[in-house]
């Protein structure tokens, strides 16, 4: 593959994801079950911990599933100038990808460093077009192979 083809602009636009919603529900329900089973019922910790888990669920659900939070990443771009993420608030920022990003045929987690901190973007298979998901996996794999050399 020539270098001009490998740096064609890759633009990933995220959509709400049913599989990510189910994953978040399952993980937060498991966390609540662990709190109930491990902490004695008479303690005050249950009254403090369960609302925190529920609040975290609603924040993460709004940010990563509904994509309605101001910090929700709705678009990821990679081109010759590097990586760029765009938020629901129509702001965009240039970022650097971290080597600990996770690549799997069903689920991708992109980890970025920006001037303001770290940004993680979960991209399940049903949140983008299948062709975009395949192209993103191929791009990440080629970048990882290039870094290993």
Protein backbone atom coordinates (compact mmCIF):
# COMPACT_ATOMS: atom_id res chain seq x y z
CA UNK A 1 0.00 0.00 0.00
CA UNK A 2 1.40 3.38 -0.93
CA UNK A 3 1.89 6.11 1.65
CA UNK A 4 -0.77 8.33 0.05
CA UNK A 5 -3.37 5.60 0.50
CA UNK A 6 -2.37 4.92 4.10
CA UNK A 7 -2.92 8.56 5.06
CA UNK A 8 -6.28 9.11 3.44
CA UNK A 9 -8.53 10.90 5.88
CA UNK A 10 -10.28 8.37 8.09
CA UNK A 11 -13.42 9.86 9.63
CA UNK A 12 -15.40 7.88 12.20
CA UNK A 13 -18.80 9.26 13.22
CA UNK A 14 -20.22 7.54 16.29
CA UNK A 15 -23.87 6.60 16.72
CA UNK A 16 -25.70 5.43 19.87
CA UNK A 17 -24.82 1.80 20.60
CA UNK A 18 -27.16 -0.90 21.92
CA UNK A 19 -24.30 -3.27 22.81
CA UNK A 20 -22.48 -0.59 24.82
CA UNK A 21 -25.73 0.19 26.66
CA UNK A 22 -26.13 -3.47 27.62
CA UNK A 23 -22.50 -3.68 28.70
CA UNK A 24 -22.83 -0.60 30.94
CA UNK A 25 -26.05 -1.91 32.49
CA UNK A 26 -24.46 -5.29 33.18
CA UNK A 27 -21.28 -3.88 34.69
CA UNK A 28 -23.08 -1.43 36.96
CA UNK A 29 -25.62 -4.06 38.11
CA UNK A 30 -22.70 -6.38 38.92
CA UNK A 31 -21.04 -3.61 40.91
CA UNK A 32 -24.23 -3.04 42.92
CA UNK A 33 -24.59 -6.79 43.52
CA UNK A 34 -21.00 -6.97 44.77
CA UNK A 35 -21.60 -4.09 47.17
CA UNK A 36 -24.74 -5.72 48.53
CA UNK A 37 -23.12 -9.15 48.90
CA UNK A 38 -19.79 -8.00 50.35
CA UNK A 39 -20.74 -5.11 52.63
CA UNK A 40 -22.93 -5.98 55.62
CA UNK A 41 -26.46 -4.65 55.11
CA UNK A 42 -26.49 -2.77 58.41
CA UNK A 43 -23.64 -0.47 57.44
CA UNK A 44 -23.94 3.01 56.10
CA UNK A 45 -21.58 2.19 53.21
CA UNK A 46 -24.36 0.68 51.13
CA UNK A 47 -26.36 3.89 51.42
CA UNK A 48 -23.33 5.82 50.17
CA UNK A 49 -21.98 3.43 47.55
CA UNK A 50 -25.08 2.47 45.57
CA UNK A 51 -26.04 6.09 44.73
CA UNK A 52 -22.46 6.71 43.56
CA UNK A 53 -22.59 3.67 41.27
CA UNK A 54 -25.99 4.76 39.94
CA UNK A 55 -24.75 8.32 39.35
CA UNK A 56 -21.70 6.98 37.50
CA UNK A 57 -23.98 4.81 35.35
CA UNK A 58 -26.11 7.78 34.30
CA UNK A 59 -23.07 9.93 33.53
CA UNK A 60 -21.39 7.20 31.44
CA UNK A 61 -24.66 6.22 29.73
CA UNK A 62 -25.32 9.81 28.71
CA UNK A 63 -21.72 10.38 27.59
CA UNK A 64 -20.95 7.14 25.72
CA UNK A 65 -24.32 5.65 24.70
CA UNK A 66 -26.68 8.57 24.13
CA UNK A 67 -23.84 10.89 23.06
CA UNK A 68 -25.70 13.84 24.57
CA UNK A 69 -23.11 15.13 27.05
CA UNK A 70 -20.89 18.10 26.14
CA UNK A 71 -17.88 15.80 26.60
CA UNK A 72 -19.24 13.10 24.27
CA UNK A 73 -16.90 12.36 21.37
CA UNK A 74 -19.01 12.13 18.24
CA UNK A 75 -16.29 12.13 15.59
CA UNK A 76 -12.72 10.81 15.37
CA UNK A 77 -10.51 11.77 12.44
CA UNK A 78 -7.06 10.59 11.40
CA UNK A 79 -5.14 12.11 8.53
CA UNK A 80 -1.72 13.39 7.61
CA UNK A 81 -1.83 15.95 10.44
CA UNK A 82 -2.60 13.29 13.06
CA UNK A 83 -5.64 12.54 15.21
CA UNK A 84 -8.52 14.90 15.97
CA UNK A 85 -11.65 14.37 18.07
CA UNK A 86 -14.86 16.40 17.90
CA UNK A 87 -17.28 16.75 20.78
CA UNK A 88 -21.07 17.19 20.92
CA UNK A 89 -20.48 20.84 21.78
CA UNK A 90 -19.02 21.22 18.23
CA UNK A 91 -15.53 21.75 19.61
CA UNK A 92 -12.64 19.84 18.19
CA UNK A 93 -9.17 19.23 19.53
CA UNK A 94 -5.98 17.68 18.22
CA UNK A 95 -4.88 14.64 20.19
CA UNK A 96 -2.16 12.00 20.26
CA UNK A 97 -3.10 8.36 20.34
CA UNK A 98 -1.78 6.27 23.24
CA UNK A 99 -0.21 2.86 22.62
CA UNK A 100 -2.61 1.21 25.09
CA UNK A 101 -5.64 1.52 22.80
CA UNK A 102 -7.60 -1.74 22.56
CA UNK A 103 -8.38 -3.34 19.19
CA UNK A 104 -10.84 -6.22 18.76
CA UNK A 105 -13.22 -7.08 15.89
CA UNK A 106 -16.23 -6.31 18.10
CA UNK A 107 -14.93 -3.46 20.24
CA UNK A 108 -12.30 -0.74 19.95
CA UNK A 109 -11.23 1.58 22.76
CA UNK A 110 -9.23 4.56 21.58
CA UNK A 111 -7.14 6.27 24.27
CA UNK A 112 -5.86 9.74 23.50
CA UNK A 113 -3.71 12.34 25.23
CA UNK A 114 -4.70 15.96 24.81
CA UNK A 115 -3.66 19.26 26.33
CA UNK A 116 -6.51 18.96 28.82
CA UNK A 117 -5.89 15.33 29.83
CA UNK A 118 -6.77 11.83 28.71
CA UNK A 119 -9.74 10.98 26.48
CA UNK A 120 -11.10 7.45 26.05
CA UNK A 121 -13.48 6.66 23.21
CA UNK A 122 -15.25 3.26 23.20
CA UNK A 123 -16.32 2.22 19.70
CA UNK A 124 -18.37 -1.00 19.62
CA UNK A 125 -19.17 -2.65 16.29
CA UNK A 126 -22.73 -1.28 16.22
CA UNK A 127 -21.76 2.36 16.87
CA UNK A 128 -20.29 2.92 13.39
CA UNK A 129 -20.66 1.67 9.86
CA UNK A 130 -19.06 -1.82 9.49
CA UNK A 131 -16.73 -0.56 6.76
CA UNK A 132 -15.56 2.34 8.97
CA UNK A 133 -14.98 -0.08 11.86
CA UNK A 134 -12.89 -2.35 9.63
CA UNK A 135 -10.87 0.59 8.26
CA UNK A 136 -10.23 1.90 11.79
CA UNK A 137 -8.99 -1.52 12.95
CA UNK A 138 -6.73 -1.76 9.91
CA UNK A 139 -5.37 1.77 10.47
CA UNK A 140 -4.67 1.09 14.14
CA UNK A 141 -3.01 -2.23 13.35
CA UNK A 142 -0.76 -0.62 10.71
CA UNK A 143 0.20 2.16 13.13
CA UNK A 144 0.97 -0.39 15.86
CA UNK A 145 3.08 -2.45 13.42
CA UNK A 146 4.95 0.70 12.37
CA UNK A 147 5.68 1.57 16.04
CA UNK A 148 7.01 -1.95 16.70
CA UNK A 149 9.65 -1.57 13.96
